[in-house]
Amino acid sequence: MRWALADGWTITLRDLKHWVAQPWQIVFGLLFSVMLVVTFGYLFGGAIEVPGGGDYREFLMPGMFALTMLFGLEATYTAVTTDANRGVTDRFRAMPMAGSAVVVGRASADMLNSVLTLAALVVCGLAVGWTWHEGIGRAAAGFGLLLLLRFALLWLGIFLALVLRSAEALMALQILVWPLGFLSNVYVSPETMPDWLAAIAAWNPLSATVGAARELFGNPGWGGDSWPAQHAVLMALVWPAALIAVFFPLSVRAYRRLSR
C-alpha cells in the first residue's frame, strides 16, 4: 500500500508539473467560470425573479459551483486521452510501479485542480455579493458535496477516455455536457418545464448537488414538490456514490485491458 501511494503521488506531481509548465490551461478555465458568473449574474439575472425573493446572484452561485465541477469532466477526459494516445500510459504500465498509480495520480491531480478552481470561484462569488448564511460547518458540508460530485464525475471521465480514446468523442462529450447543465435547476425551476423535462431535470445528479448546496449555504432556491427536490442532500450523496460504485471498477478494468 505504501509503495502504491508513493507511485500515485509521483504521477500526481508529474501532472501538477505539467500544469505549472502550461499555466494558461488553468487560467483560461478560471476565466471561463468567472465569465459565466458575470454573464448569467448581470446580463440575464435581472430578468429572472427568484421565488420567495432573494438576490439572484446568491441563488446562482451554488449552481455555478456545481457547473464547474461538471465541466471538469472534459479536462479529465482530455488529459487521459492525450496520455493514452501518445503512448505515455503504456510506458507507465511497462515501468515497475503500482498498477493503480496512473489512475490514482490522475484522480489526485484533478481533485487538487478542482479545489483550486472552486476556491477561485468562491472568491468571485463573494465579490459579486454571494455568501453563506448557515455557519461554517454547513458551508463546509456544501463544499464537500460539490467536491464529491467532481470526484464521481472524475471516474466517469477516466472511464470514457480509456474506452473511447478519440478527439471526436471529446467533441461529442462537450456537446452533451452543456444540455446536462441546462437541464437542471441551475438557472430555472424544473417546475417551469414540460412534465417530462421537469422529471429529467429533477432527477439530474447536478440538480441534487445544487439543491443541497443552496440548502446548506442558506441561499434562496426553487425547492419544488418532487421527491428528489425534497431530499436534495440525500440525493447529493446517493448520486455520486452510485457513479463511483459503477465507474471506479469500470475504469480500473478498462485500464488493465488498455493494451490488449
C-alpha atoms as a PDB file:
ATOM      1  CA  MET A   1       0.000   0.000   0.000  1.00  0.00           C
ATOM      2  CA  ARG A   2       2.826   2.421   0.914  1.00  0.00           C
ATOM      3  CA  TRP A   3       4.542   1.869  -2.460  1.00  0.00           C
ATOM      4  CA  ALA A   4       1.235   2.246  -4.292  1.00  0.00           C
ATOM      5  CA  LEU A   5       0.611   5.596  -2.590  1.00  0.00           C
ATOM      6  CA  ALA A   6       4.179   6.725  -3.323  1.00  0.00           C
ATOM      7  CA  ASP A   7       3.826   5.805  -7.006  1.00  0.00           C
ATOM      8  CA  GLY A   8       0.444   7.529  -7.197  1.00  0.00           C
ATOM      9  CA  TRP A   9       1.911  10.682  -5.670  1.00  0.00           C
ATOM     10  CA  THR A  10       4.765  10.578  -8.217  1.00  0.00           C
ATOM     11  CA  ILE A  11       2.223  10.580 -11.056  1.00  0.00           C
ATOM     12  CA  THR A  12       0.302  13.367  -9.306  1.00  0.00           C
ATOM     13  CA  LEU A  13       3.449  15.517  -9.167  1.00  0.00           C
ATOM     14  CA  ARG A  14       4.077  14.793 -12.839  1.00  0.00           C
ATOM     15  CA  ASP A  15       0.606  16.090 -13.744  1.00  0.00           C
ATOM     16  CA  LEU A  16       0.995  19.143 -11.498  1.00  0.00           C
ATOM     17  CA  LYS A  17       4.352  19.981 -13.114  1.00  0.00           C
ATOM     18  CA  HIS A  18       2.636  19.769 -16.481  1.00  0.00           C
ATOM     19  CA  TRP A  19       0.152  22.418 -15.359  1.00  0.00           C
ATOM     20  CA  VAL A  20       2.948  24.618 -13.998  1.00  0.00           C
ATOM     21  CA  ALA A  21       4.671  24.396 -17.384  1.00  0.00           C
ATOM     22  CA  GLN A  22       1.405  25.313 -19.137  1.00  0.00           C
ATOM     23  CA  PRO A  23      -0.465  27.555 -16.664  1.00  0.00           C
ATOM     24  CA  TRP A  24      -2.721  29.066 -19.319  1.00  0.00           C
ATOM     25  CA  GLN A  25      -4.876  25.945 -19.327  1.00  0.00           C
ATOM     26  CA  ILE A  26      -5.810  26.634 -15.702  1.00  0.00           C
ATOM     27  CA  VAL A  27      -6.026  30.400 -16.164  1.00  0.00           C
ATOM     28  CA  PHE A  28      -8.442  30.142 -19.082  1.00  0.00           C
ATOM     29  CA  GLY A  29     -10.511  27.606 -17.164  1.00  0.00           C
ATOM     30  CA  LEU A  30     -10.858  30.038 -14.261  1.00  0.00           C
ATOM     31  CA  LEU A  31     -11.654  32.935 -16.591  1.00  0.00           C
ATOM     32  CA  PHE A  32     -14.357  30.840 -18.249  1.00  0.00           C
ATOM     33  CA  SER A  33     -16.053  30.199 -14.901  1.00  0.00           C
ATOM     34  CA  VAL A  34     -15.851  33.899 -13.980  1.00  0.00           C
ATOM     35  CA  MET A  35     -17.274  34.807 -17.376  1.00  0.00           C
ATOM     36  CA  LEU A  36     -20.277  32.547 -16.737  1.00  0.00           C
ATOM     37  CA  VAL A  37     -20.905  34.238 -13.376  1.00  0.00           C
ATOM     38  CA  VAL A  38     -20.793  37.686 -14.964  1.00  0.00           C
ATOM     39  CA  THR A  39     -22.926  36.652 -17.945  1.00  0.00           C
ATOM     40  CA  PHE A  40     -25.726  34.970 -16.009  1.00  0.00           C
ATOM     41  CA  GLY A  41     -25.464  37.100 -12.878  1.00  0.00           C
ATOM     42  CA  TYR A  42     -25.556  40.504 -14.543  1.00  0.00           C
ATOM     43  CA  LEU A  43     -26.862  40.059 -18.114  1.00  0.00           C
ATOM     44  CA  PHE A  44     -29.679  37.535 -17.542  1.00  0.00           C
ATOM     45  CA  GLY A  45     -30.167  37.780 -13.799  1.00  0.00           C
ATOM     46  CA  GLY A  46     -32.174  40.999 -13.966  1.00  0.00           C
ATOM     47  CA  ALA A  47     -34.893  39.219 -15.958  1.00  0.00           C
ATOM     48  CA  ILE A  48     -35.249  36.278 -13.555  1.00  0.00           C
ATOM     49  CA  GLU A  49     -37.236  36.548 -10.333  1.00  0.00           C
ATOM     50  CA  VAL A  50     -36.315  34.197  -7.516  1.00  0.00           C
ATOM     51  CA  PRO A  51     -39.467  32.731  -5.913  1.00  0.00           C
ATOM     52  CA  GLY A  52     -39.813  33.966  -2.342  1.00  0.00           C
ATOM     53  CA  GLY A  53     -37.482  36.852  -3.036  1.00  0.00           C
ATOM     54  CA  GLY A  54     -33.755  36.992  -2.586  1.00  0.00           C
ATOM     55  CA  ASP A  55     -30.809  38.055  -4.670  1.00  0.00           C
ATOM     56  CA  TYR A  56     -30.436  36.179  -7.957  1.00  0.00           C
ATOM     57  CA  ARG A  57     -26.657  36.017  -7.649  1.00  0.00           C
ATOM     58  CA  GLU A  58     -26.999  34.296  -4.271  1.00  0.00           C
ATOM     59  CA  PHE A  59     -29.325  31.846  -5.980  1.00  0.00           C
ATOM     60  CA  LEU A  60     -26.985  31.461  -8.960  1.00  0.00           C
ATOM     61  CA  MET A  61     -23.612  30.826  -7.312  1.00  0.00           C
ATOM     62  CA  PRO A  62     -24.264  27.286  -5.950  1.00  0.00           C
ATOM     63  CA  GLY A  63     -25.299  26.370  -9.491  1.00  0.00           C
ATOM     64  CA  MET A  64     -22.094  27.885 -10.887  1.00  0.00           C
ATOM     65  CA  PHE A  65     -20.041  25.901  -8.361  1.00  0.00           C
ATOM     66  CA  ALA A  66     -21.723  22.667  -9.448  1.00  0.00           C
ATOM     67  CA  LEU A  67     -21.391  23.502 -13.156  1.00  0.00           C
ATOM     68  CA  THR A  68     -17.656  23.998 -12.697  1.00  0.00           C
ATOM     69  CA  MET A  69     -17.454  20.537 -11.161  1.00  0.00           C
ATOM     70  CA  LEU A  70     -19.327  19.167 -14.185  1.00  0.00           C
ATOM     71  CA  PHE A  71     -17.073  20.955 -16.691  1.00  0.00           C
ATOM     72  CA  GLY A  72     -14.065  19.308 -15.029  1.00  0.00           C
ATOM     73  CA  LEU A  73     -15.217  16.119 -16.745  1.00  0.00           C
ATOM     74  CA  GLU A  74     -13.847  17.434 -20.044  1.00  0.00           C
ATOM     75  CA  ALA A  75     -10.435  18.233 -18.533  1.00  0.00           C
ATOM     76  CA  THR A  76     -10.132  14.711 -17.130  1.00  0.00           C
ATOM     77  CA  TYR A  77     -11.177  13.139 -20.412  1.00  0.00           C
ATOM     78  CA  THR A  78      -8.730  15.276 -22.408  1.00  0.00           C
ATOM     79  CA  ALA A  79      -5.743  14.550 -20.152  1.00  0.00           C
ATOM     80  CA  VAL A  80      -6.309  10.783 -20.014  1.00  0.00           C
ATOM     81  CA  THR A  81      -6.978  10.533 -23.757  1.00  0.00           C
ATOM     82  CA  THR A  82      -3.849  12.534 -24.605  1.00  0.00           C
ATOM     83  CA  ASP A  83      -1.625  10.332 -22.430  1.00  0.00           C
ATOM     84  CA  ALA A  84      -3.155   7.151 -23.845  1.00  0.00           C
ATOM     85  CA  ASN A  85      -2.830   8.224 -27.492  1.00  0.00           C
ATOM     86  CA  ARG A  86       0.760   9.430 -27.057  1.00  0.00           C
ATOM     87  CA  GLY A  87       1.798   6.138 -25.521  1.00  0.00           C
ATOM     88  CA  VAL A  88       2.598   7.751 -22.161  1.00  0.00           C
ATOM     89  CA  THR A  89       0.171   5.465 -20.342  1.00  0.00           C
ATOM     90  CA  ASP A  90       1.706   2.369 -21.941  1.00  0.00           C
ATOM     91  CA  ARG A  91       5.186   3.490 -20.867  1.00  0.00           C
ATOM     92  CA  PHE A  92       3.938   3.904 -17.309  1.00  0.00           C
ATOM     93  CA  ARG A  93       2.420   0.426 -17.437  1.00  0.00           C
ATOM     94  CA  ALA A  94       5.780  -1.017 -18.558  1.00  0.00           C
ATOM     95  CA  MET A  95       7.573   0.521 -15.572  1.00  0.00           C
ATOM     96  CA  PRO A  96       7.982  -1.227 -12.192  1.00  0.00           C
ATOM     97  CA  MET A  97       5.271   0.734 -10.435  1.00  0.00           C
ATOM     98  CA  ALA A  98       1.911   0.052  -8.827  1.00  0.00           C
ATOM     99  CA  GLY A  99      -0.775  -0.700 -11.400  1.00  0.00           C
ATOM    100  CA  SER A 100      -3.144   1.796  -9.816  1.00  0.00           C
ATOM    101  CA  ALA A 101      -0.619   4.660  -9.799  1.00  0.00           C
ATOM    102  CA  VAL A 102      -1.645   6.183 -13.141  1.00  0.00           C
ATOM    103  CA  VAL A 103      -5.370   6.480 -12.430  1.00  0.00           C
ATOM    104  CA  VAL A 104      -4.825   7.380  -8.759  1.00  0.00           C
ATOM    105  CA  GLY A 105      -2.323  10.072  -9.765  1.00  0.00           C
ATOM    106  CA  ARG A 106      -4.709  11.437 -12.372  1.00  0.00           C
ATOM    107  CA  ALA A 107      -7.561  11.499  -9.865  1.00  0.00           C
ATOM    108  CA  SER A 108      -5.454  13.225  -7.199  1.00  0.00           C
ATOM    109  CA  ALA A 109      -4.166  15.882  -9.597  1.00  0.00           C
ATOM    110  CA  ASP A 110      -7.632  16.625 -10.952  1.00  0.00           C
ATOM    111  CA  MET A 111      -9.083  16.910  -7.444  1.00  0.00           C
ATOM    112  CA  LEU A 112      -6.347  19.377  -6.442  1.00  0.00           C
ATOM    113  CA  ASN A 113      -7.132  21.374  -9.575  1.00  0.00           C
ATOM    114  CA  SER A 114     -10.848  21.293  -8.715  1.00  0.00           C
ATOM    115  CA  VAL A 115     -10.207  22.566  -5.175  1.00  0.00           C
ATOM    116  CA  LEU A 116      -8.194  25.462  -6.638  1.00  0.00           C
ATOM    117  CA  THR A 117     -10.896  26.230  -9.201  1.00  0.00           C
ATOM    118  CA  LEU A 118     -13.659  26.083  -6.590  1.00  0.00           C
ATOM    119  CA  ALA A 119     -11.692  28.383  -4.258  1.00  0.00           C
ATOM    120  CA  ALA A 120     -11.231  30.917  -7.051  1.00  0.00           C
ATOM    121  CA  LEU A 121     -14.932  30.786  -7.884  1.00  0.00           C
ATOM    122  CA  VAL A 122     -15.851  31.281  -4.214  1.00  0.00           C
ATOM    123  CA  VAL A 123     -13.747  34.448  -4.193  1.00  0.00           C
ATOM    124  CA  CYS A 124     -15.555  35.550  -7.360  1.00  0.00           C
ATOM    125  CA  GLY A 125     -18.909  34.791  -5.712  1.00  0.00           C
ATOM    126  CA  LEU A 126     -18.027  36.814  -2.622  1.00  0.00           C
ATOM    127  CA  ALA A 127     -17.039  39.697  -4.907  1.00  0.00           C
ATOM    128  CA  VAL A 128     -20.469  39.734  -6.619  1.00  0.00           C
ATOM    129  CA  GLY A 129     -22.440  39.572  -3.367  1.00  0.00           C
ATOM    130  CA  TRP A 130     -22.848  35.855  -2.700  1.00  0.00           C
ATOM    131  CA  THR A 131     -22.202  34.421   0.759  1.00  0.00           C
ATOM    132  CA  TRP A 132     -23.337  31.585   3.042  1.00  0.00           C
ATOM    133  CA  HIS A 133     -25.670  32.154   5.988  1.00  0.00           C
ATOM    134  CA  GLU A 134     -25.810  28.878   7.907  1.00  0.00           C
ATOM    135  CA  GLY A 135     -22.427  28.750   9.630  1.00  0.00           C
ATOM    136  CA  ILE A 136     -19.041  27.436   8.602  1.00  0.00           C
ATOM    137  CA  GLY A 137     -19.928  23.806   9.343  1.00  0.00           C
ATOM    138  CA  ARG A 138     -22.858  23.631   6.932  1.00  0.00           C
ATOM    139  CA  ALA A 139     -20.873  25.663   4.374  1.00  0.00           C
ATOM    140  CA  ALA A 140     -18.047  23.139   4.579  1.00  0.00           C
ATOM    141  CA  ALA A 141     -20.588  20.361   4.060  1.00  0.00           C
ATOM    142  CA  GLY A 142     -21.874  22.159   0.958  1.00  0.00           C
ATOM    143  CA  PHE A 143     -18.384  22.450  -0.497  1.00  0.00           C
ATOM    144  CA  GLY A 144     -17.782  18.812   0.386  1.00  0.00           C
ATOM    145  CA  LEU A 145     -20.819  17.740  -1.630  1.00  0.00           C
ATOM    146  CA  LEU A 146     -19.604  19.782  -4.599  1.00  0.00           C
ATOM    147  CA  LEU A 147     -16.192  18.090  -4.497  1.00  0.00           C
ATOM    148  CA  LEU A 148     -17.864  14.704  -4.043  1.00  0.00           C
ATOM    149  CA  LEU A 149     -19.745  15.301  -7.310  1.00  0.00           C
ATOM    150  CA  ARG A 150     -16.460  16.207  -9.004  1.00  0.00           C
ATOM    151  CA  PHE A 151     -14.811  13.064  -7.639  1.00  0.00           C
ATOM    152  CA  ALA A 152     -17.631  10.909  -9.011  1.00  0.00           C
ATOM    153  CA  LEU A 153     -17.566  12.592 -12.435  1.00  0.00           C
ATOM    154  CA  LEU A 154     -13.796  12.199 -12.495  1.00  0.00           C
ATOM    155  CA  TRP A 155     -14.139   8.414 -12.670  1.00  0.00           C
ATOM    156  CA  LEU A 156     -16.734   8.768 -15.415  1.00  0.00           C
ATOM    157  CA  GLY A 157     -14.229  10.902 -17.366  1.00  0.00           C
ATOM    158  CA  ILE A 158     -11.401   8.397 -16.864  1.00  0.00           C
ATOM    159  CA  PHE A 159     -13.614   5.511 -17.980  1.00  0.00           C
ATOM    160  CA  LEU A 160     -14.853   7.296 -21.125  1.00  0.00           C
ATOM    161  CA  ALA A 161     -11.297   8.335 -22.037  1.00  0.00           C
ATOM    162  CA  LEU A 162      -9.884   4.822 -21.657  1.00  0.00           C
ATOM    163  CA  VAL A 163     -12.736   3.304 -23.685  1.00  0.00           C
ATOM    164  CA  LEU A 164     -13.224   5.887 -26.445  1.00  0.00           C
ATOM    165  CA  ARG A 165      -9.713   7.443 -26.749  1.00  0.00           C
ATOM    166  CA  SER A 166     -10.525   9.896 -29.542  1.00  0.00           C
ATOM    167  CA  ALA A 167     -10.731  13.642 -30.071  1.00  0.00           C
ATOM    168  CA  GLU A 168     -14.031  13.171 -31.907  1.00  0.00           C
ATOM    169  CA  ALA A 169     -15.536  11.609 -28.789  1.00  0.00           C
ATOM    170  CA  LEU A 170     -14.359  14.628 -26.803  1.00  0.00           C
ATOM    171  CA  MET A 171     -16.371  16.904 -29.094  1.00  0.00           C
ATOM    172  CA  ALA A 172     -19.455  14.734 -28.543  1.00  0.00           C
ATOM    173  CA  LEU A 173     -18.820  14.855 -24.793  1.00  0.00           C
ATOM    174  CA  GLN A 174     -18.630  18.668 -24.877  1.00  0.00           C
ATOM    175  CA  ILE A 175     -21.920  18.783 -26.770  1.00  0.00           C
ATOM    176  CA  LEU A 176     -23.620  16.574 -24.170  1.00  0.00           C
ATOM    177  CA  VAL A 177     -22.230  18.326 -21.090  1.00  0.00           C
ATOM    178  CA  TRP A 178     -23.967  21.621 -21.823  1.00  0.00           C
ATOM    179  CA  PRO A 179     -27.518  20.177 -22.114  1.00  0.00           C
ATOM    180  CA  LEU A 180     -26.870  18.253 -18.894  1.00  0.00           C
ATOM    181  CA  GLY A 181     -26.035  21.572 -17.233  1.00  0.00           C
ATOM    182  CA  PHE A 182     -29.056  23.422 -18.620  1.00  0.00           C
ATOM    183  CA  LEU A 183     -31.458  20.536 -17.985  1.00  0.00           C
ATOM    184  CA  SER A 184     -31.227  21.043 -14.238  1.00  0.00           C
ATOM    185  CA  ASN A 185     -32.220  23.530 -11.539  1.00  0.00           C
ATOM    186  CA  VAL A 186     -29.102  25.671 -12.023  1.00  0.00           C
ATOM    187  CA  TYR A 187     -30.857  28.539 -13.826  1.00  0.00           C
ATOM    188  CA  VAL A 188     -34.610  27.913 -13.574  1.00  0.00           C
ATOM    189  CA  SER A 189     -37.028  25.746 -11.634  1.00  0.00           C
ATOM    190  CA  PRO A 190     -37.796  22.328 -13.167  1.00  0.00           C
ATOM    191  CA  GLU A 191     -41.468  23.110 -12.399  1.00  0.00           C
ATOM    192  CA  THR A 192     -41.433  25.688 -15.223  1.00  0.00           C
ATOM    193  CA  MET A 193     -40.582  22.944 -17.734  1.00  0.00           C
ATOM    194  CA  PRO A 194     -42.902  20.461 -19.500  1.00  0.00           C
ATOM    195  CA  ASP A 195     -43.639  17.499 -17.239  1.00  0.00           C
ATOM    196  CA  TRP A 196     -41.293  15.037 -18.928  1.00  0.00           C
ATOM    197  CA  LEU A 197     -38.423  17.539 -18.975  1.00  0.00           C
ATOM    198  CA  ALA A 198     -39.150  18.543 -15.376  1.00  0.00           C
ATOM    199  CA  ALA A 199     -38.855  14.907 -14.290  1.00  0.00           C
ATOM    200  CA  ILE A 200     -35.466  14.565 -16.015  1.00  0.00           C
ATOM    201  CA  ALA A 201     -34.241  17.846 -14.542  1.00  0.00           C
ATOM    202  CA  ALA A 202     -35.437  16.939 -11.036  1.00  0.00           C
ATOM    203  CA  TRP A 203     -33.585  13.592 -11.122  1.00  0.00           C
ATOM    204  CA  ASN A 204     -30.456  15.095 -12.702  1.00  0.00           C
ATOM    205  CA  PRO A 205     -27.499  14.440 -10.331  1.00  0.00           C
ATOM    206  CA  LEU A 206     -26.428  18.043 -10.877  1.00  0.00           C
ATOM    207  CA  SER A 207     -29.807  19.275  -9.565  1.00  0.00           C
ATOM    208  CA  ALA A 208     -29.360  17.246  -6.373  1.00  0.00           C
ATOM    209  CA  THR A 209     -25.975  18.792  -5.608  1.00  0.00           C
ATOM    210  CA  VAL A 210     -27.165  22.312  -6.488  1.00  0.00           C
ATOM    211  CA  GLY A 211     -30.291  21.983  -4.332  1.00  0.00           C
ATOM    212  CA  ALA A 212     -28.286  20.569  -1.419  1.00  0.00           C
ATOM    213  CA  ALA A 213     -25.654  23.313  -1.692  1.00  0.00           C
ATOM    214  CA  ARG A 214     -28.333  26.035  -1.667  1.00  0.00           C
ATOM    215  CA  GLU A 215     -29.915  24.432   1.383  1.00  0.00           C
ATOM    216  CA  LEU A 216     -26.612  24.130   3.260  1.00  0.00           C
ATOM    217  CA  PHE A 217     -25.426  27.617   2.299  1.00  0.00           C
ATOM    218  CA  GLY A 218     -28.802  29.137   3.210  1.00  0.00           C
ATOM    219  CA  ASN A 219     -29.165  30.618  -0.272  1.00  0.00           C
ATOM    220  CA  PRO A 220     -32.542  31.099  -1.989  1.00  0.00           C
ATOM    221  CA  GLY A 221     -33.685  28.331  -4.296  1.00  0.00           C
ATOM    222  CA  TRP A 222     -36.510  26.521  -6.014  1.00  0.00           C
ATOM    223  CA  GLY A 223     -37.296  23.549  -3.830  1.00  0.00           C
ATOM    224  CA  GLY A 224     -40.190  22.100  -5.824  1.00  0.00           C
ATOM    225  CA  ASP A 225     -42.553  19.318  -4.797  1.00  0.00           C
ATOM    226  CA  SER A 226     -40.733  16.393  -6.398  1.00  0.00           C
ATOM    227  CA  TRP A 227     -39.208  13.699  -4.180  1.00  0.00           C
ATOM    228  CA  PRO A 228     -35.579  14.381  -5.221  1.00  0.00           C
ATOM    229  CA  ALA A 229     -36.102  18.116  -4.628  1.00  0.00           C
ATOM    230  CA  GLN A 230     -37.428  17.452  -1.127  1.00  0.00           C
ATOM    231  CA  HIS A 231     -34.453  15.171  -0.334  1.00  0.00           C
ATOM    232  CA  ALA A 232     -31.681  17.076  -2.107  1.00  0.00           C
ATOM    233  CA  VAL A 233     -28.958  16.432   0.488  1.00  0.00           C
ATOM    234  CA  LEU A 234     -29.666  12.694   0.490  1.00  0.00           C
ATOM    235  CA  MET A 235     -29.635  12.554  -3.321  1.00  0.00           C
ATOM    236  CA  ALA A 236     -26.431  14.629  -3.414  1.00  0.00           C
ATOM    237  CA  LEU A 237     -24.824  11.748  -1.529  1.00  0.00           C
ATOM    238  CA  VAL A 238     -26.578   8.882  -3.324  1.00  0.00           C
ATOM    239  CA  TRP A 239     -25.898  10.011  -6.901  1.00  0.00           C
ATOM    240  CA  PRO A 240     -22.084  10.419  -6.548  1.00  0.00           C
ATOM    241  CA  ALA A 241     -21.879   7.192  -4.549  1.00  0.00           C
ATOM    242  CA  ALA A 242     -23.716   5.349  -7.329  1.00  0.00           C
ATOM    243  CA  LEU A 243     -21.491   6.876 -10.028  1.00  0.00           C
ATOM    244  CA  ILE A 244     -18.340   5.917  -8.111  1.00  0.00           C
ATOM    245  CA  ALA A 245     -19.642   2.395  -7.481  1.00  0.00           C
ATOM    246  CA  VAL A 246     -20.216   1.921 -11.218  1.00  0.00           C
ATOM    247  CA  PHE A 247     -17.373   3.804 -12.904  1.00  0.00           C
ATOM    248  CA  PHE A 248     -14.476   3.237 -10.491  1.00  0.00           C
ATOM    249  CA  PRO A 249     -14.356  -0.546 -11.114  1.00  0.00           C
ATOM    250  CA  LEU A 250     -15.101   0.003 -14.813  1.00  0.00           C
ATOM    251  CA  SER A 251     -12.166   2.457 -15.022  1.00  0.00           C
ATOM    252  CA  VAL A 252      -9.808   0.005 -13.334  1.00  0.00           C
ATOM    253  CA  ARG A 253     -10.972  -2.758 -15.684  1.00  0.00           C
ATOM    254  CA  ALA A 254     -10.549  -0.540 -18.766  1.00  0.00           C
ATOM    255  CA  TYR A 255      -7.055   0.461 -17.628  1.00  0.00           C
ATOM    256  CA  ARG A 256      -5.995  -3.155 -17.157  1.00  0.00           C
ATOM    257  CA  ARG A 257      -7.319  -4.068 -20.626  1.00  0.00           C
ATOM    258  CA  LEU A 258      -5.780  -0.988 -22.299  1.00  0.00           C
ATOM    259  CA  SER A 259      -3.127  -2.746 -24.386  1.00  0.00           C
ATOM    260  CA  ARG A 260      -4.925  -5.976 -25.105  1.00  0.00           C
END
